């Protein structure tokens, strides 16, 4: 075989190895992001003092319209302080 073909094959092998490494890195980052999102949602639910039942009601309401203070109150959601309520409305 020619030297040129051998070099091209070697470059291809390196590129394939790099692709495998990048795919592994992408999967790792996607898992980390998903876990961070779960933690963030759990913290928001805890801050709002929402029970699983109340959360289910809010999610059903949110599917049809954005929750507003009246909807939150109807579901029995309470906030630790005014700042928590302001943050939830953002």
C-alpha atoms as a PDB file:
ATOM      1  CA  UNK A   1       0.000   0.000   0.000  1.00  0.00           C
ATOM      2  CA  UNK A   2       1.011   3.510  -0.552  1.00  0.00           C
ATOM      3  CA  UNK A   3       2.205   5.710   2.228  1.00  0.00           C
ATOM      4  CA  UNK A   4      -0.592   8.176   1.452  1.00  0.00           C
ATOM      5  CA  UNK A   5      -3.309   5.532   2.008  1.00  0.00           C
ATOM      6  CA  UNK A   6      -1.721   4.366   5.250  1.00  0.00           C
ATOM      7  CA  UNK A   7      -1.641   7.931   6.534  1.00  0.00           C
ATOM      8  CA  UNK A   8      -5.306   8.457   5.575  1.00  0.00           C
ATOM      9  CA  UNK A   9      -6.308   5.221   7.310  1.00  0.00           C
ATOM     10  CA  UNK A  10      -4.392   6.257  10.425  1.00  0.00           C
ATOM     11  CA  UNK A  11      -6.135   9.659  10.392  1.00  0.00           C
ATOM     12  CA  UNK A  12      -9.494   7.905  10.024  1.00  0.00           C
ATOM     13  CA  UNK A  13      -8.752   5.630  12.977  1.00  0.00           C
ATOM     14  CA  UNK A  14      -7.796   8.654  15.115  1.00  0.00           C
ATOM     15  CA  UNK A  15     -10.949  10.497  14.080  1.00  0.00           C
ATOM     16  CA  UNK A  16     -13.121   7.492  14.974  1.00  0.00           C
ATOM     17  CA  UNK A  17     -11.466   7.227  18.378  1.00  0.00           C
ATOM     18  CA  UNK A  18     -12.008  10.944  18.964  1.00  0.00           C
ATOM     19  CA  UNK A  19     -15.678  10.561  17.972  1.00  0.00           C
ATOM     20  CA  UNK A  20     -16.089   7.766  20.535  1.00  0.00           C
ATOM     21  CA  UNK A  21     -14.520   9.960  23.215  1.00  0.00           C
ATOM     22  CA  UNK A  22     -16.764  12.886  22.286  1.00  0.00           C
ATOM     23  CA  UNK A  23     -19.896  10.718  22.304  1.00  0.00           C
ATOM     24  CA  UNK A  24     -18.962   9.432  25.762  1.00  0.00           C
ATOM     25  CA  UNK A  25     -18.419  13.006  26.968  1.00  0.00           C
ATOM     26  CA  UNK A  26     -21.770  14.091  25.517  1.00  0.00           C
ATOM     27  CA  UNK A  27     -23.581  11.254  27.287  1.00  0.00           C
ATOM     28  CA  UNK A  28     -21.887  12.110  30.574  1.00  0.00           C
ATOM     29  CA  UNK A  29     -22.818  15.787  30.272  1.00  0.00           C
ATOM     30  CA  UNK A  30     -26.419  14.929  29.382  1.00  0.00           C
ATOM     31  CA  UNK A  31     -26.688  12.717  32.493  1.00  0.00           C
ATOM     32  CA  UNK A  32     -25.195  15.459  34.686  1.00  0.00           C
ATOM     33  CA  UNK A  33     -27.601  18.055  33.289  1.00  0.00           C
ATOM     34  CA  UNK A  34     -30.605  15.764  33.806  1.00  0.00           C
ATOM     35  CA  UNK A  35     -29.561  15.112  37.416  1.00  0.00           C
ATOM     36  CA  UNK A  36     -29.004  18.837  38.088  1.00  0.00           C
ATOM     37  CA  UNK A  37     -32.459  19.607  36.665  1.00  0.00           C
ATOM     38  CA  UNK A  38     -34.044  17.013  38.957  1.00  0.00           C
ATOM     39  CA  UNK A  39     -32.303  18.505  41.981  1.00  0.00           C
ATOM     40  CA  UNK A  40     -33.359  22.021  40.997  1.00  0.00           C
ATOM     41  CA  UNK A  41     -37.007  21.004  40.602  1.00  0.00           C
ATOM     42  CA  UNK A  42     -36.956  19.175  43.941  1.00  0.00           C
ATOM     43  CA  UNK A  43     -35.536  22.289  45.633  1.00  0.00           C
ATOM     44  CA  UNK A  44     -38.265  24.460  44.098  1.00  0.00           C
ATOM     45  CA  UNK A  45     -40.960  22.074  45.299  1.00  0.00           C
ATOM     46  CA  UNK A  46     -39.484  21.992  48.818  1.00  0.00           C
ATOM     47  CA  UNK A  47     -39.206  25.790  48.923  1.00  0.00           C
ATOM     48  CA  UNK A  48     -42.848  26.140  47.932  1.00  0.00           C
ATOM     49  CA  UNK A  49     -43.947  23.597  50.582  1.00  0.00           C
ATOM     50  CA  UNK A  50     -45.804  21.596  47.932  1.00  0.00           C
ATOM     51  CA  UNK A  51     -46.995  18.061  48.582  1.00  0.00           C
ATOM     52  CA  UNK A  52     -46.913  15.494  45.776  1.00  0.00           C
ATOM     53  CA  UNK A  53     -50.692  15.831  45.455  1.00  0.00           C
ATOM     54  CA  UNK A  54     -50.479  19.615  45.197  1.00  0.00           C
ATOM     55  CA  UNK A  55     -47.707  19.310  42.642  1.00  0.00           C
ATOM     56  CA  UNK A  56     -49.889  17.023  40.536  1.00  0.00           C
ATOM     57  CA  UNK A  57     -52.707  19.603  40.635  1.00  0.00           C
ATOM     58  CA  UNK A  58     -50.330  22.413  39.671  1.00  0.00           C
ATOM     59  CA  UNK A  59     -48.892  20.421  36.782  1.00  0.00           C
ATOM     60  CA  UNK A  60     -52.392  19.705  35.468  1.00  0.00           C
ATOM     61  CA  UNK A  61     -53.255  23.397  35.725  1.00  0.00           C
ATOM     62  CA  UNK A  62     -49.993  24.395  34.054  1.00  0.00           C
ATOM     63  CA  UNK A  63     -50.769  22.143  31.103  1.00  0.00           C
ATOM     64  CA  UNK A  64     -53.677  24.411  30.196  1.00  0.00           C
ATOM     65  CA  UNK A  65     -52.515  27.789  31.535  1.00  0.00           C
ATOM     66  CA  UNK A  66     -49.676  29.365  33.468  1.00  0.00           C
ATOM     67  CA  UNK A  67     -50.191  29.072  37.232  1.00  0.00           C
ATOM     68  CA  UNK A  68     -51.105  32.331  38.910  1.00  0.00           C
ATOM     69  CA  UNK A  69     -51.240  33.220  42.618  1.00  0.00           C
ATOM     70  CA  UNK A  70     -54.934  32.277  42.826  1.00  0.00           C
ATOM     71  CA  UNK A  71     -54.275  28.857  41.278  1.00  0.00           C
ATOM     72  CA  UNK A  72     -51.354  28.319  43.628  1.00  0.00           C
ATOM     73  CA  UNK A  73     -53.476  29.256  46.631  1.00  0.00           C
ATOM     74  CA  UNK A  74     -56.306  26.985  45.445  1.00  0.00           C
ATOM     75  CA  UNK A  75     -53.851  24.085  45.371  1.00  0.00           C
ATOM     76  CA  UNK A  76     -52.792  24.941  48.921  1.00  0.00           C
ATOM     77  CA  UNK A  77     -49.279  26.078  48.063  1.00  0.00           C
ATOM     78  CA  UNK A  78     -47.661  28.263  50.694  1.00  0.00           C
ATOM     79  CA  UNK A  79     -44.389  30.134  50.544  1.00  0.00           C
ATOM     80  CA  UNK A  80     -41.823  30.651  53.274  1.00  0.00           C
ATOM     81  CA  UNK A  81     -41.627  34.360  52.476  1.00  0.00           C
ATOM     82  CA  UNK A  82     -42.524  36.935  49.835  1.00  0.00           C
ATOM     83  CA  UNK A  83     -39.178  36.504  48.036  1.00  0.00           C
ATOM     84  CA  UNK A  84     -39.957  32.820  47.390  1.00  0.00           C
ATOM     85  CA  UNK A  85     -43.278  33.776  45.834  1.00  0.00           C
ATOM     86  CA  UNK A  86     -41.645  36.465  43.688  1.00  0.00           C
ATOM     87  CA  UNK A  87     -39.061  33.948  42.457  1.00  0.00           C
ATOM     88  CA  UNK A  88     -41.746  31.395  41.572  1.00  0.00           C
ATOM     89  CA  UNK A  89     -43.573  33.913  39.420  1.00  0.00           C
ATOM     90  CA  UNK A  90     -40.505  34.638  37.249  1.00  0.00           C
END
